[in-house]
PDB file of N, CA and C in Angstrom:
ATOM      1  N   MET A   1      51.436 -28.765 -81.410  1.00  0.00           N
ATOM      2  CA  MET A   1      52.248 -28.477 -80.333  1.00  0.00           C
ATOM      3  C   MET A   1      53.347 -27.972 -81.116  1.00  0.00           C
ATOM      4  N   HIS A   2      54.034 -26.792 -80.871  1.00  0.00           N
ATOM      5  CA  HIS A   2      55.219 -26.432 -81.408  1.00  0.00           C
ATOM      6  C   HIS A   2      56.446 -27.005 -80.545  1.00  0.00           C
ATOM      7  N   ALA A   3      57.526 -27.138 -81.369  1.00  0.00           N
ATOM      8  CA  ALA A   3      58.728 -27.715 -80.611  1.00  0.00           C
ATOM      9  C   ALA A   3      59.249 -27.268 -79.470  1.00  0.00           C
ATOM     10  N   HIS A   4      59.009 -25.871 -79.233  1.00  0.00           N
ATOM     11  CA  HIS A   4      59.669 -25.182 -77.985  1.00  0.00           C
ATOM     12  C   HIS A   4      58.634 -25.306 -76.879  1.00  0.00           C
ATOM     13  N   GLN A   5      57.409 -25.814 -77.057  1.00  0.00           N
ATOM     14  CA  GLN A   5      56.321 -26.043 -75.989  1.00  0.00           C
ATOM     15  C   GLN A   5      56.532 -27.218 -75.322  1.00  0.00           C
ATOM     16  N   GLN A   6      56.405 -27.501 -74.154  1.00  0.00           N
ATOM     17  CA  GLN A   6      56.150 -28.466 -73.327  1.00  0.00           C
ATOM     18  C   GLN A   6      54.939 -28.886 -72.928  1.00  0.00           C
ATOM     19  N   PRO A   7      54.416 -30.114 -72.852  1.00  0.00           N
ATOM     20  CA  PRO A   7      53.107 -30.622 -72.710  1.00  0.00           C
ATOM     21  C   PRO A   7      52.860 -29.988 -71.373  1.00  0.00           C
ATOM     22  N   ALA A   8      51.720 -29.696 -70.790  1.00  0.00           N
ATOM     23  CA  ALA A   8      51.260 -29.128 -69.978  1.00  0.00           C
ATOM     24  C   ALA A   8      50.923 -30.015 -68.720  1.00  0.00           C
ATOM     25  N   THR A   9      51.432 -30.054 -67.405  1.00  0.00           N
ATOM     26  CA  THR A   9      51.024 -31.068 -66.391  1.00  0.00           C
ATOM     27  C   THR A   9      50.232 -30.335 -65.544  1.00  0.00           C
ATOM     28  N   THR A  10      49.330 -31.145 -64.847  1.00  0.00           N
ATOM     29  CA  THR A  10      48.344 -30.518 -63.910  1.00  0.00           C
ATOM     30  C   THR A  10      48.536 -30.928 -62.330  1.00  0.00           C
ATOM     31  N   SER A  11      48.937 -30.223 -61.497  1.00  0.00           N
ATOM     32  CA  SER A  11      49.300 -30.760 -60.304  1.00  0.00           C
ATOM     33  C   SER A  11      47.956 -30.849 -59.383  1.00  0.00           C
ATOM     34  N   LYS A  12      47.929 -31.516 -58.065  1.00  0.00           N
ATOM     35  CA  LYS A  12      46.839 -31.519 -57.211  1.00  0.00           C
ATOM     36  C   LYS A  12      46.374 -30.203 -56.947  1.00  0.00           C
ATOM     37  N   SER A  13      47.296 -29.257 -56.577  1.00  0.00           N
ATOM     38  CA  SER A  13      46.819 -27.917 -56.084  1.00  0.00           C
ATOM     39  C   SER A  13      45.952 -27.205 -57.214  1.00  0.00           C
ATOM     40  N   GLN A  14      46.431 -27.416 -58.413  1.00  0.00           N
ATOM     41  CA  GLN A  14      45.814 -26.806 -59.623  1.00  0.00           C
ATOM     42  C   GLN A  14      44.531 -27.222 -59.800  1.00  0.00           C
ATOM     43  N   VAL A  15      44.277 -28.554 -59.619  1.00  0.00           N
ATOM     44  CA  VAL A  15      42.945 -29.218 -59.777  1.00  0.00           C
ATOM     45  C   VAL A  15      42.117 -28.533 -58.634  1.00  0.00           C
ATOM     46  N   ARG A  16      42.419 -28.548 -57.479  1.00  0.00           N
ATOM     47  CA  ARG A  16      41.857 -28.011 -56.149  1.00  0.00           C
ATOM     48  C   ARG A  16      41.582 -26.581 -56.479  1.00  0.00           C
ATOM     49  N   ASP A  17      42.491 -25.724 -57.038  1.00  0.00           N
ATOM     50  CA  ASP A  17      42.160 -24.351 -57.271  1.00  0.00           C
ATOM     51  C   ASP A  17      41.029 -24.121 -58.302  1.00  0.00           C
ATOM     52  N   ALA A  18      41.242 -25.076 -59.419  1.00  0.00           N
ATOM     53  CA  ALA A  18      40.057 -24.865 -60.441  1.00  0.00           C
ATOM     54  C   ALA A  18      38.885 -25.258 -59.816  1.00  0.00           C
ATOM     55  N   ALA A  19      38.688 -26.371 -59.001  1.00  0.00           N
ATOM     56  CA  ALA A  19      37.493 -26.813 -58.325  1.00  0.00           C
ATOM     57  C   ALA A  19      36.921 -25.689 -57.681  1.00  0.00           C
ATOM     58  N   ILE A  20      37.736 -24.987 -56.958  1.00  0.00           N
ATOM     59  CA  ILE A  20      37.289 -23.868 -55.932  1.00  0.00           C
ATOM     60  C   ILE A  20      36.816 -22.781 -56.975  1.00  0.00           C
ATOM     61  N   GLN A  21      37.286 -22.359 -58.058  1.00  0.00           N
ATOM     62  CA  GLN A  21      36.854 -21.396 -58.954  1.00  0.00           C
ATOM     63  C   GLN A  21      35.678 -21.777 -59.500  1.00  0.00           C
ATOM     64  N   ILE A  22      35.444 -23.095 -59.906  1.00  0.00           N
ATOM     65  CA  ILE A  22      34.132 -23.394 -60.268  1.00  0.00           C
ATOM     66  C   ILE A  22      33.040 -23.362 -59.348  1.00  0.00           C
ATOM     67  N   SER A  23      33.242 -23.677 -58.160  1.00  0.00           N
ATOM     68  CA  SER A  23      32.289 -23.623 -57.228  1.00  0.00           C
ATOM     69  C   SER A  23      31.787 -22.145 -56.658  1.00  0.00           C
ATOM     70  N   LYS A  24      32.930 -21.247 -56.915  1.00  0.00           N
ATOM     71  CA  LYS A  24      32.681 -19.871 -56.547  1.00  0.00           C
ATOM     72  C   LYS A  24      31.395 -19.229 -56.526  1.00  0.00           C
ATOM     73  N   PRO A  25      30.970 -19.308 -57.640  1.00  0.00           N
ATOM     74  CA  PRO A  25      29.437 -18.618 -57.794  1.00  0.00           C
ATOM     75  C   PRO A  25      28.493 -19.068 -57.120  1.00  0.00           C
ATOM     76  N   GLN A  26      28.521 -20.221 -56.622  1.00  0.00           N
ATOM     77  CA  GLN A  26      27.620 -20.945 -55.529  1.00  0.00           C
ATOM     78  C   GLN A  26      27.930 -20.637 -54.263  1.00  0.00           C
ATOM     79  N   THR A  27      29.119 -20.125 -53.813  1.00  0.00           N
ATOM     80  CA  THR A  27      29.499 -19.957 -52.462  1.00  0.00           C
ATOM     81  C   THR A  27      29.272 -18.614 -51.889  1.00  0.00           C
ATOM     82  N   LEU A  28      29.063 -17.535 -52.735  1.00  0.00           N
ATOM     83  CA  LEU A  28      28.824 -15.989 -52.375  1.00  0.00           C
ATOM     84  C   LEU A  28      30.337 -15.600 -51.926  1.00  0.00           C
ATOM     85  N   ASN A  29      31.148 -16.258 -51.797  1.00  0.00           N
ATOM     86  CA  ASN A  29      32.583 -15.634 -51.616  1.00  0.00           C
ATOM     87  C   ASN A  29      33.087 -14.650 -52.223  1.00  0.00           C
ATOM     88  N   SER A  30      33.864 -13.740 -51.751  1.00  0.00           N
ATOM     89  CA  SER A  30      34.289 -12.771 -52.683  1.00  0.00           C
ATOM     90  C   SER A  30      35.544 -13.007 -53.329  1.00  0.00           C
ATOM     91  N   HIS A  31      36.181 -14.073 -52.657  1.00  0.00           N
ATOM     92  CA  HIS A  31      37.445 -14.524 -53.051  1.00  0.00           C
ATOM     93  C   HIS A  31      37.394 -16.005 -52.899  1.00  0.00           C
ATOM     94  N   PRO A  32      38.242 -16.869 -53.450  1.00  0.00           N
ATOM     95  CA  PRO A  32      38.207 -18.167 -53.570  1.00  0.00           C
ATOM     96  C   PRO A  32      38.891 -18.749 -52.203  1.00  0.00           C
ATOM     97  N   ILE A  33      38.313 -19.870 -51.931  1.00  0.00           N
ATOM     98  CA  ILE A  33      38.922 -20.520 -50.502  1.00  0.00           C
ATOM     99  C   ILE A  33      40.210 -21.213 -50.891  1.00  0.00           C
ATOM    100  N   THR A  34      41.245 -20.890 -50.197  1.00  0.00           N
ATOM    101  CA  THR A  34      42.473 -21.577 -50.417  1.00  0.00           C
ATOM    102  C   THR A  34      42.849 -22.481 -49.342  1.00  0.00           C
ATOM    103  N   CYS A  35      43.769 -23.423 -49.469  1.00  0.00           N
ATOM    104  CA  CYS A  35      44.368 -24.222 -48.642  1.00  0.00           C
ATOM    105  C   CYS A  35      45.820 -24.376 -48.647  1.00  0.00           C
ATOM    106  N   GLU A  36      46.164 -24.346 -47.242  1.00  0.00           N
ATOM    107  CA  GLU A  36      47.732 -24.409 -47.068  1.00  0.00           C
ATOM    108  C   GLU A  36      47.979 -25.507 -45.932  1.00  0.00           C
ATOM    109  N   THR A  37      48.668 -26.395 -45.985  1.00  0.00           N
ATOM    110  CA  THR A  37      49.006 -27.396 -45.192  1.00  0.00           C
ATOM    111  C   THR A  37      50.359 -26.972 -44.399  1.00  0.00           C
ATOM    112  N   LEU A  38      50.230 -27.166 -43.153  1.00  0.00           N
ATOM    113  CA  LEU A  38      51.578 -26.830 -42.472  1.00  0.00           C
ATOM    114  C   LEU A  38      51.596 -27.950 -41.197  1.00  0.00           C
ATOM    115  N   ASP A  39      52.663 -28.532 -41.022  1.00  0.00           N
ATOM    116  CA  ASP A  39      52.815 -29.536 -40.062  1.00  0.00           C
ATOM    117  C   ASP A  39      51.693 -30.419 -39.966  1.00  0.00           C
ATOM    118  N   GLY A  40      51.176 -30.938 -40.932  1.00  0.00           N
ATOM    119  CA  GLY A  40      50.092 -31.834 -41.040  1.00  0.00           C
ATOM    120  C   GLY A  40      48.751 -31.309 -40.757  1.00  0.00           C
ATOM    121  N   ALA A  41      48.657 -29.914 -40.553  1.00  0.00           N
ATOM    122  CA  ALA A  41      47.283 -29.401 -40.344  1.00  0.00           C
ATOM    123  C   ALA A  41      46.886 -28.509 -41.785  1.00  0.00           C
ATOM    124  N   SER A  42      45.756 -28.617 -42.301  1.00  0.00           N
ATOM    125  CA  SER A  42      45.188 -27.689 -43.122  1.00  0.00           C
ATOM    126  C   SER A  42      44.701 -26.635 -42.775  1.00  0.00           C
ATOM    127  N   TYR A  43      45.083 -25.536 -43.282  1.00  0.00           N
ATOM    128  CA  TYR A  43      44.465 -24.109 -42.991  1.00  0.00           C
ATOM    129  C   TYR A  43      43.549 -23.630 -44.347  1.00  0.00           C
ATOM    130  N   PHE A  44      42.356 -23.302 -44.046  1.00  0.00           N
ATOM    131  CA  PHE A  44      41.494 -22.846 -45.084  1.00  0.00           C
ATOM    132  C   PHE A  44      41.295 -21.357 -44.953  1.00  0.00           C
ATOM    133  N   SER A  45      41.603 -20.469 -45.944  1.00  0.00           N
ATOM    134  CA  SER A  45      41.637 -19.026 -46.076  1.00  0.00           C
ATOM    135  C   SER A  45      40.590 -18.403 -46.887  1.00  0.00           C
ATOM    136  N   THR A  46      40.017 -17.319 -46.647  1.00  0.00           N
ATOM    137  CA  THR A  46      39.168 -16.653 -47.730  1.00  0.00           C
ATOM    138  C   THR A  46      38.801 -15.241 -47.033  1.00  0.00           C
ATOM    139  N   THR A  47      38.339 -14.295 -47.998  1.00  0.00           N
ATOM    140  CA  THR A  47      38.015 -13.079 -47.642  1.00  0.00           C
ATOM    141  C   THR A  47      36.612 -12.745 -47.976  1.00  0.00           C
ATOM    142  N   ARG A  48      35.731 -12.268 -46.967  1.00  0.00           N
ATOM    143  CA  ARG A  48      34.303 -11.775 -47.568  1.00  0.00           C
ATOM    144  C   ARG A  48      34.103 -10.834 -47.026  1.00  0.00           C
ATOM    145  N   ARG A  49      33.468  -9.757 -47.488  1.00  0.00           N
ATOM    146  CA  ARG A  49      32.924  -8.542 -47.123  1.00  0.00           C
ATOM    147  C   ARG A  49      33.966  -7.682 -46.285  1.00  0.00           C
ATOM    148  N   GLY A  50      35.222  -7.809 -46.762  1.00  0.00           N
ATOM    149  CA  GLY A  50      36.300  -7.118 -45.792  1.00  0.00           C
ATOM    150  C   GLY A  50      36.901  -7.588 -44.667  1.00  0.00           C
ATOM    151  N   VAL A  51      36.429  -8.792 -44.514  1.00  0.00           N
ATOM    152  CA  VAL A  51      36.966  -9.844 -43.220  1.00  0.00           C
ATOM    153  C   VAL A  51      37.733 -10.970 -43.813  1.00  0.00           C
ATOM    154  N   HIS A  52      38.914 -11.253 -43.333  1.00  0.00           N
ATOM    155  CA  HIS A  52      39.910 -12.241 -43.571  1.00  0.00           C
ATOM    156  C   HIS A  52      39.447 -13.416 -42.781  1.00  0.00           C
ATOM    157  N   TYR A  53      39.194 -14.663 -43.202  1.00  0.00           N
ATOM    158  CA  TYR A  53      39.003 -15.821 -42.455  1.00  0.00           C
ATOM    159  C   TYR A  53      39.767 -16.732 -42.439  1.00  0.00           C
ATOM    160  N   CYS A  54      40.231 -17.565 -41.537  1.00  0.00           N
ATOM    161  CA  CYS A  54      41.241 -18.684 -41.585  1.00  0.00           C
ATOM    162  C   CYS A  54      40.643 -19.661 -40.498  1.00  0.00           C
ATOM    163  N   ALA A  55      40.188 -20.869 -41.076  1.00  0.00           N
ATOM    164  CA  ALA A  55      39.840 -22.143 -40.484  1.00  0.00           C
ATOM    165  C   ALA A  55      40.666 -23.187 -40.487  1.00  0.00           C
ATOM    166  N   TYR A  56      40.514 -23.947 -39.350  1.00  0.00           N
ATOM    167  CA  TYR A  56      41.418 -25.195 -39.470  1.00  0.00           C
ATOM    168  C   TYR A  56      40.682 -26.254 -38.410  1.00  0.00           C
ATOM    169  N   LYS A  57      40.584 -27.522 -38.654  1.00  0.00           N
ATOM    170  CA  LYS A  57      40.143 -28.425 -37.555  1.00  0.00           C
ATOM    171  C   LYS A  57      40.906 -28.730 -36.611  1.00  0.00           C
ATOM    172  N   GLN A  58      40.468 -28.976 -35.386  1.00  0.00           N
ATOM    173  CA  GLN A  58      41.194 -29.335 -34.204  1.00  0.00           C
ATOM    174  C   GLN A  58      41.748 -30.945 -34.368  1.00  0.00           C
ATOM    175  N   HIS A  59      42.939 -31.242 -33.933  1.00  0.00           N
ATOM    176  CA  HIS A  59      43.434 -32.497 -34.315  1.00  0.00           C
ATOM    177  C   HIS A  59      42.665 -33.854 -33.524  1.00  0.00           C
ATOM    178  N   ASP A  60      42.154 -33.240 -32.156  1.00  0.00           N
ATOM    179  CA  ASP A  60      41.841 -34.299 -31.398  1.00  0.00           C
ATOM    180  C   ASP A  60      40.181 -34.347 -31.284  1.00  0.00           C
ATOM    181  N   SER A  61      39.574 -33.564 -32.140  1.00  0.00           N
ATOM    182  CA  SER A  61      38.076 -33.447 -32.050  1.00  0.00           C
ATOM    183  C   SER A  61      37.507 -33.199 -33.654  1.00  0.00           C
ATOM    184  N   ASP A  62      36.359 -32.982 -33.586  1.00  0.00           N
ATOM    185  CA  ASP A  62      35.680 -32.190 -34.758  1.00  0.00           C
ATOM    186  C   ASP A  62      35.356 -30.888 -34.754  1.00  0.00           C
ATOM    187  N   GLN A  63      35.815 -30.315 -33.767  1.00  0.00           N
ATOM    188  CA  GLN A  63      35.703 -28.744 -33.671  1.00  0.00           C
ATOM    189  C   GLN A  63      36.538 -28.166 -34.865  1.00  0.00           C
ATOM    190  N   TRP A  64      36.009 -27.023 -35.333  1.00  0.00           N
ATOM    191  CA  TRP A  64      36.809 -26.172 -36.125  1.00  0.00           C
ATOM    192  C   TRP A  64      37.044 -24.824 -35.484  1.00  0.00           C
ATOM    193  N   TRP A  65      38.155 -24.193 -35.676  1.00  0.00           N
ATOM    194  CA  TRP A  65      38.260 -22.855 -35.036  1.00  0.00           C
ATOM    195  C   TRP A  65      38.460 -22.123 -36.287  1.00  0.00           C
ATOM    196  N   VAL A  66      37.883 -20.853 -36.314  1.00  0.00           N
ATOM    197  CA  VAL A  66      37.718 -19.934 -37.499  1.00  0.00           C
ATOM    198  C   VAL A  66      38.181 -18.438 -36.775  1.00  0.00           C
ATOM    199  N   SER A  67      39.420 -17.893 -37.328  1.00  0.00           N
ATOM    200  CA  SER A  67      39.926 -16.651 -36.833  1.00  0.00           C
ATOM    201  C   SER A  67      39.539 -15.673 -37.828  1.00  0.00           C
ATOM    202  N   THR A  68      39.213 -14.493 -37.186  1.00  0.00           N
ATOM    203  CA  THR A  68      38.833 -13.534 -38.188  1.00  0.00           C
ATOM    204  C   THR A  68      39.578 -12.204 -38.133  1.00  0.00           C
ATOM    205  N   HIS A  69      39.857 -11.397 -39.182  1.00  0.00           N
ATOM    206  CA  HIS A  69      40.559 -10.142 -39.113  1.00  0.00           C
ATOM    207  C   HIS A  69      40.071  -9.080 -40.093  1.00  0.00           C
ATOM    208  N   ARG A  70      39.387  -8.085 -39.397  1.00  0.00           N
ATOM    209  CA  ARG A  70      38.958  -6.926 -40.485  1.00  0.00           C
ATOM    210  C   ARG A  70      40.092  -6.366 -41.057  1.00  0.00           C
ATOM    211  N   ILE A  71      39.997  -6.398 -42.393  1.00  0.00           N
ATOM    212  CA  ILE A  71      41.080  -5.794 -43.023  1.00  0.00           C
ATOM    213  C   ILE A  71      41.229  -4.323 -42.837  1.00  0.00           C
ATOM    214  N   ALA A  72      40.262  -3.711 -42.896  1.00  0.00           N
ATOM    215  CA  ALA A  72      40.287  -2.168 -42.763  1.00  0.00           C
ATOM    216  C   ALA A  72      40.906  -1.666 -41.552  1.00  0.00           C
ATOM    217  N   LEU A  73      40.900  -2.397 -40.558  1.00  0.00           N
ATOM    218  CA  LEU A  73      41.586  -2.155 -39.099  1.00  0.00           C
ATOM    219  C   LEU A  73      43.025  -2.079 -39.156  1.00  0.00           C
ATOM    220  N   GLY A  74      43.464  -2.738 -40.403  1.00  0.00           N
ATOM    221  CA  GLY A  74      44.970  -2.726 -40.383  1.00  0.00           C
ATOM    222  C   GLY A  74      45.687  -3.911 -39.459  1.00  0.00           C
ATOM    223  N   SER A  75      47.117  -4.291 -39.853  1.00  0.00           N
ATOM    224  CA  SER A  75      47.765  -5.182 -39.276  1.00  0.00           C
ATOM    225  C   SER A  75      47.998  -5.401 -37.865  1.00  0.00           C
ATOM    226  N   MET A  76      47.831  -4.159 -37.333  1.00  0.00           N
ATOM    227  CA  MET A  76      47.977  -4.127 -35.662  1.00  0.00           C
ATOM    228  C   MET A  76      46.636  -4.564 -35.041  1.00  0.00           C
ATOM    229  N   HIS A  77      45.451  -4.657 -35.518  1.00  0.00           N
ATOM    230  CA  HIS A  77      44.033  -5.219 -34.987  1.00  0.00           C
ATOM    231  C   HIS A  77      44.398  -6.910 -34.986  1.00  0.00           C
ATOM    232  N   ILE A  78      44.204  -7.415 -33.711  1.00  0.00           N
ATOM    233  CA  ILE A  78      44.310  -8.661 -33.297  1.00  0.00           C
ATOM    234  C   ILE A  78      43.382  -9.616 -33.790  1.00  0.00           C
ATOM    235  N   GLY A  79      42.094  -9.102 -34.199  1.00  0.00           N
ATOM    236  CA  GLY A  79      40.983  -9.794 -34.720  1.00  0.00           C
ATOM    237  C   GLY A  79      40.271 -10.609 -33.792  1.00  0.00           C
ATOM    238  N   GLY A  80      39.557 -11.713 -34.205  1.00  0.00           N
ATOM    239  CA  GLY A  80      38.757 -12.296 -33.128  1.00  0.00           C
ATOM    240  C   GLY A  80      38.575 -13.807 -33.858  1.00  0.00           C
ATOM    241  N   GLY A  81      37.941 -14.487 -33.051  1.00  0.00           N
ATOM    242  CA  GLY A  81      37.706 -16.158 -33.613  1.00  0.00           C
ATOM    243  C   GLY A  81      36.489 -16.680 -32.797  1.00  0.00           C
ATOM    244  N   ARG A  82      36.166 -17.839 -33.461  1.00  0.00           N
ATOM    245  CA  ARG A  82      35.026 -18.560 -32.862  1.00  0.00           C
ATOM    246  C   ARG A  82      35.435 -20.179 -33.148  1.00  0.00           C
ATOM    247  N   TYR A  83      34.803 -20.787 -32.159  1.00  0.00           N
ATOM    248  CA  TYR A  83      34.830 -22.376 -32.443  1.00  0.00           C
ATOM    249  C   TYR A  83      33.584 -22.653 -33.116  1.00  0.00           C
ATOM    250  N   TYR A  84      33.503 -23.873 -33.833  1.00  0.00           N
ATOM    251  CA  TYR A  84      32.210 -24.427 -34.310  1.00  0.00           C
ATOM    252  C   TYR A  84      32.094 -25.972 -33.932  1.00  0.00           C
ATOM    253  N   ARG A  85      31.227 -26.502 -33.722  1.00  0.00           N
ATOM    254  CA  ARG A  85      31.207 -27.854 -33.200  1.00  0.00           C
ATOM    255  C   ARG A  85      31.848 -28.977 -34.140  1.00  0.00           C
ATOM    256  N   ASP A  86      31.226 -28.628 -35.474  1.00  0.00           N
ATOM    257  CA  ASP A  86      31.642 -29.686 -36.613  1.00  0.00           C
ATOM    258  C   ASP A  86      31.783 -28.912 -37.875  1.00  0.00           C
ATOM    259  N   LEU A  87      32.038 -29.630 -38.832  1.00  0.00           N
ATOM    260  CA  LEU A  87      31.926 -28.852 -40.216  1.00  0.00           C
ATOM    261  C   LEU A  87      30.671 -28.529 -40.640  1.00  0.00           C
ATOM    262  N   ASN A  88      29.517 -29.309 -40.165  1.00  0.00           N
ATOM    263  CA  ASN A  88      28.168 -28.682 -40.636  1.00  0.00           C
ATOM    264  C   ASN A  88      27.762 -27.354 -39.949  1.00  0.00           C
ATOM    265  N   ASP A  89      28.257 -27.484 -38.694  1.00  0.00           N
ATOM    266  CA  ASP A  89      28.023 -26.014 -37.873  1.00  0.00           C
ATOM    267  C   ASP A  89      28.735 -24.922 -38.442  1.00  0.00           C
ATOM    268  N   LEU A  90      29.980 -25.073 -39.104  1.00  0.00           N
ATOM    269  CA  LEU A  90      30.738 -24.286 -39.703  1.00  0.00           C
ATOM    270  C   LEU A  90      30.091 -23.707 -40.780  1.00  0.00           C
ATOM    271  N   ALA A  91      29.666 -24.578 -41.639  1.00  0.00           N
ATOM    272  CA  ALA A  91      29.062 -24.220 -42.991  1.00  0.00           C
ATOM    273  C   ALA A  91      27.849 -23.727 -42.858  1.00  0.00           C
ATOM    274  N   ALA A  92      26.876 -23.862 -41.817  1.00  0.00           N
ATOM    275  CA  ALA A  92      25.559 -23.202 -41.696  1.00  0.00           C
ATOM    276  C   ALA A  92      25.851 -22.072 -41.050  1.00  0.00           C
ATOM    277  N   ASN A  93      26.746 -21.642 -40.204  1.00  0.00           N
ATOM    278  CA  ASN A  93      26.885 -20.521 -39.443  1.00  0.00           C
ATOM    279  C   ASN A  93      27.823 -19.587 -39.769  1.00  0.00           C
ATOM    280  N   CYS A  94      28.684 -19.703 -40.722  1.00  0.00           N
ATOM    281  CA  CYS A  94      29.868 -18.910 -41.160  1.00  0.00           C
ATOM    282  C   CYS A  94      29.748 -18.954 -42.909  1.00  0.00           C
ATOM    283  N   LYS A  95      29.052 -17.822 -43.331  1.00  0.00           N
ATOM    284  CA  LYS A  95      29.042 -17.857 -44.773  1.00  0.00           C
ATOM    285  C   LYS A  95      30.006 -18.056 -45.617  1.00  0.00           C
ATOM    286  N   ALA A  96      31.285 -17.354 -44.864  1.00  0.00           N
ATOM    287  CA  ALA A  96      32.422 -17.410 -45.637  1.00  0.00           C
ATOM    288  C   ALA A  96      33.093 -18.959 -46.144  1.00  0.00           C
ATOM    289  N   PHE A  97      32.799 -19.920 -45.258  1.00  0.00           N
ATOM    290  CA  PHE A  97      33.024 -21.316 -45.597  1.00  0.00           C
ATOM    291  C   PHE A  97      31.815 -22.021 -45.833  1.00  0.00           C
ATOM    292  N   ALA A  98      30.844 -21.604 -46.291  1.00  0.00           N
ATOM    293  CA  ALA A  98      29.557 -22.465 -46.704  1.00  0.00           C
ATOM    294  C   ALA A  98      29.811 -23.367 -47.663  1.00  0.00           C
ATOM    295  N   ALA A  99      31.014 -23.270 -48.430  1.00  0.00           N
ATOM    296  CA  ALA A  99      31.056 -24.210 -49.665  1.00  0.00           C
ATOM    297  C   ALA A  99      32.043 -25.196 -49.064  1.00  0.00           C
ATOM    298  N   LEU A 100      32.847 -25.207 -47.870  1.00  0.00           N
ATOM    299  CA  LEU A 100      33.825 -25.998 -47.515  1.00  0.00           C
ATOM    300  C   LEU A 100      33.364 -27.375 -47.586  1.00  0.00           C
ATOM    301  N   PRO A 101      32.201 -28.006 -47.134  1.00  0.00           N
ATOM    302  CA  PRO A 101      31.945 -29.238 -47.054  1.00  0.00           C
ATOM    303  C   PRO A 101      32.053 -29.920 -48.593  1.00  0.00           C
ATOM    304  N   ALA A 102      31.667 -29.069 -49.327  1.00  0.00           N
ATOM    305  CA  ALA A 102      31.709 -29.695 -50.803  1.00  0.00           C
ATOM    306  C   ALA A 102      33.157 -29.693 -51.278  1.00  0.00           C
ATOM    307  N   LEU A 103      34.092 -28.805 -51.051  1.00  0.00           N
ATOM    308  CA  LEU A 103      35.585 -28.700 -51.315  1.00  0.00           C
ATOM    309  C   LEU A 103      36.326 -29.634 -50.721  1.00  0.00           C
ATOM    310  N   LEU A 104      35.888 -30.210 -49.490  1.00  0.00           N
ATOM    311  CA  LEU A 104      37.016 -31.039 -48.931  1.00  0.00           C
ATOM    312  C   LEU A 104      37.381 -32.212 -49.480  1.00  0.00           C
ATOM    313  N   PRO A 105      36.381 -32.845 -50.076  1.00  0.00           N
ATOM    314  CA  PRO A 105      36.560 -34.215 -50.834  1.00  0.00           C
ATOM    315  C   PRO A 105      37.650 -34.004 -52.294  1.00  0.00           C
ATOM    316  N   LEU A 106      37.551 -32.865 -52.718  1.00  0.00           N
ATOM    317  CA  LEU A 106      38.570 -32.372 -53.773  1.00  0.00           C
ATOM    318  C   LEU A 106      40.007 -32.314 -53.348  1.00  0.00           C
ATOM    319  N   ILE A 107      40.328 -32.302 -52.126  1.00  0.00           N
ATOM    320  CA  ILE A 107      41.664 -32.025 -51.643  1.00  0.00           C
ATOM    321  C   ILE A 107      42.341 -33.045 -51.296  1.00  0.00           C
TER     322      ILE A 107
END
């Protein structure tokens, strides 16, 4: 190591992002799943086949809400959404988040 270089440190988000990239070929996602935590709630986002997806778990139940927005329709399009019973239902019926059960333990 050169004198002007500092040792690299790895943050929890870098480890999570690396794990997401590793699992990407298995998920069929066109983009990796990203996670952002706001006010104690984790929001998971990805894009698949021209649609932006954002999922989060309801605080008081096992239900997940997934909002969708078709990118080609522009920012004025309000999009749609759907509730899923639980994480397994979400993974089985929303291909964009098929890998989410495998990624949650890494976060």
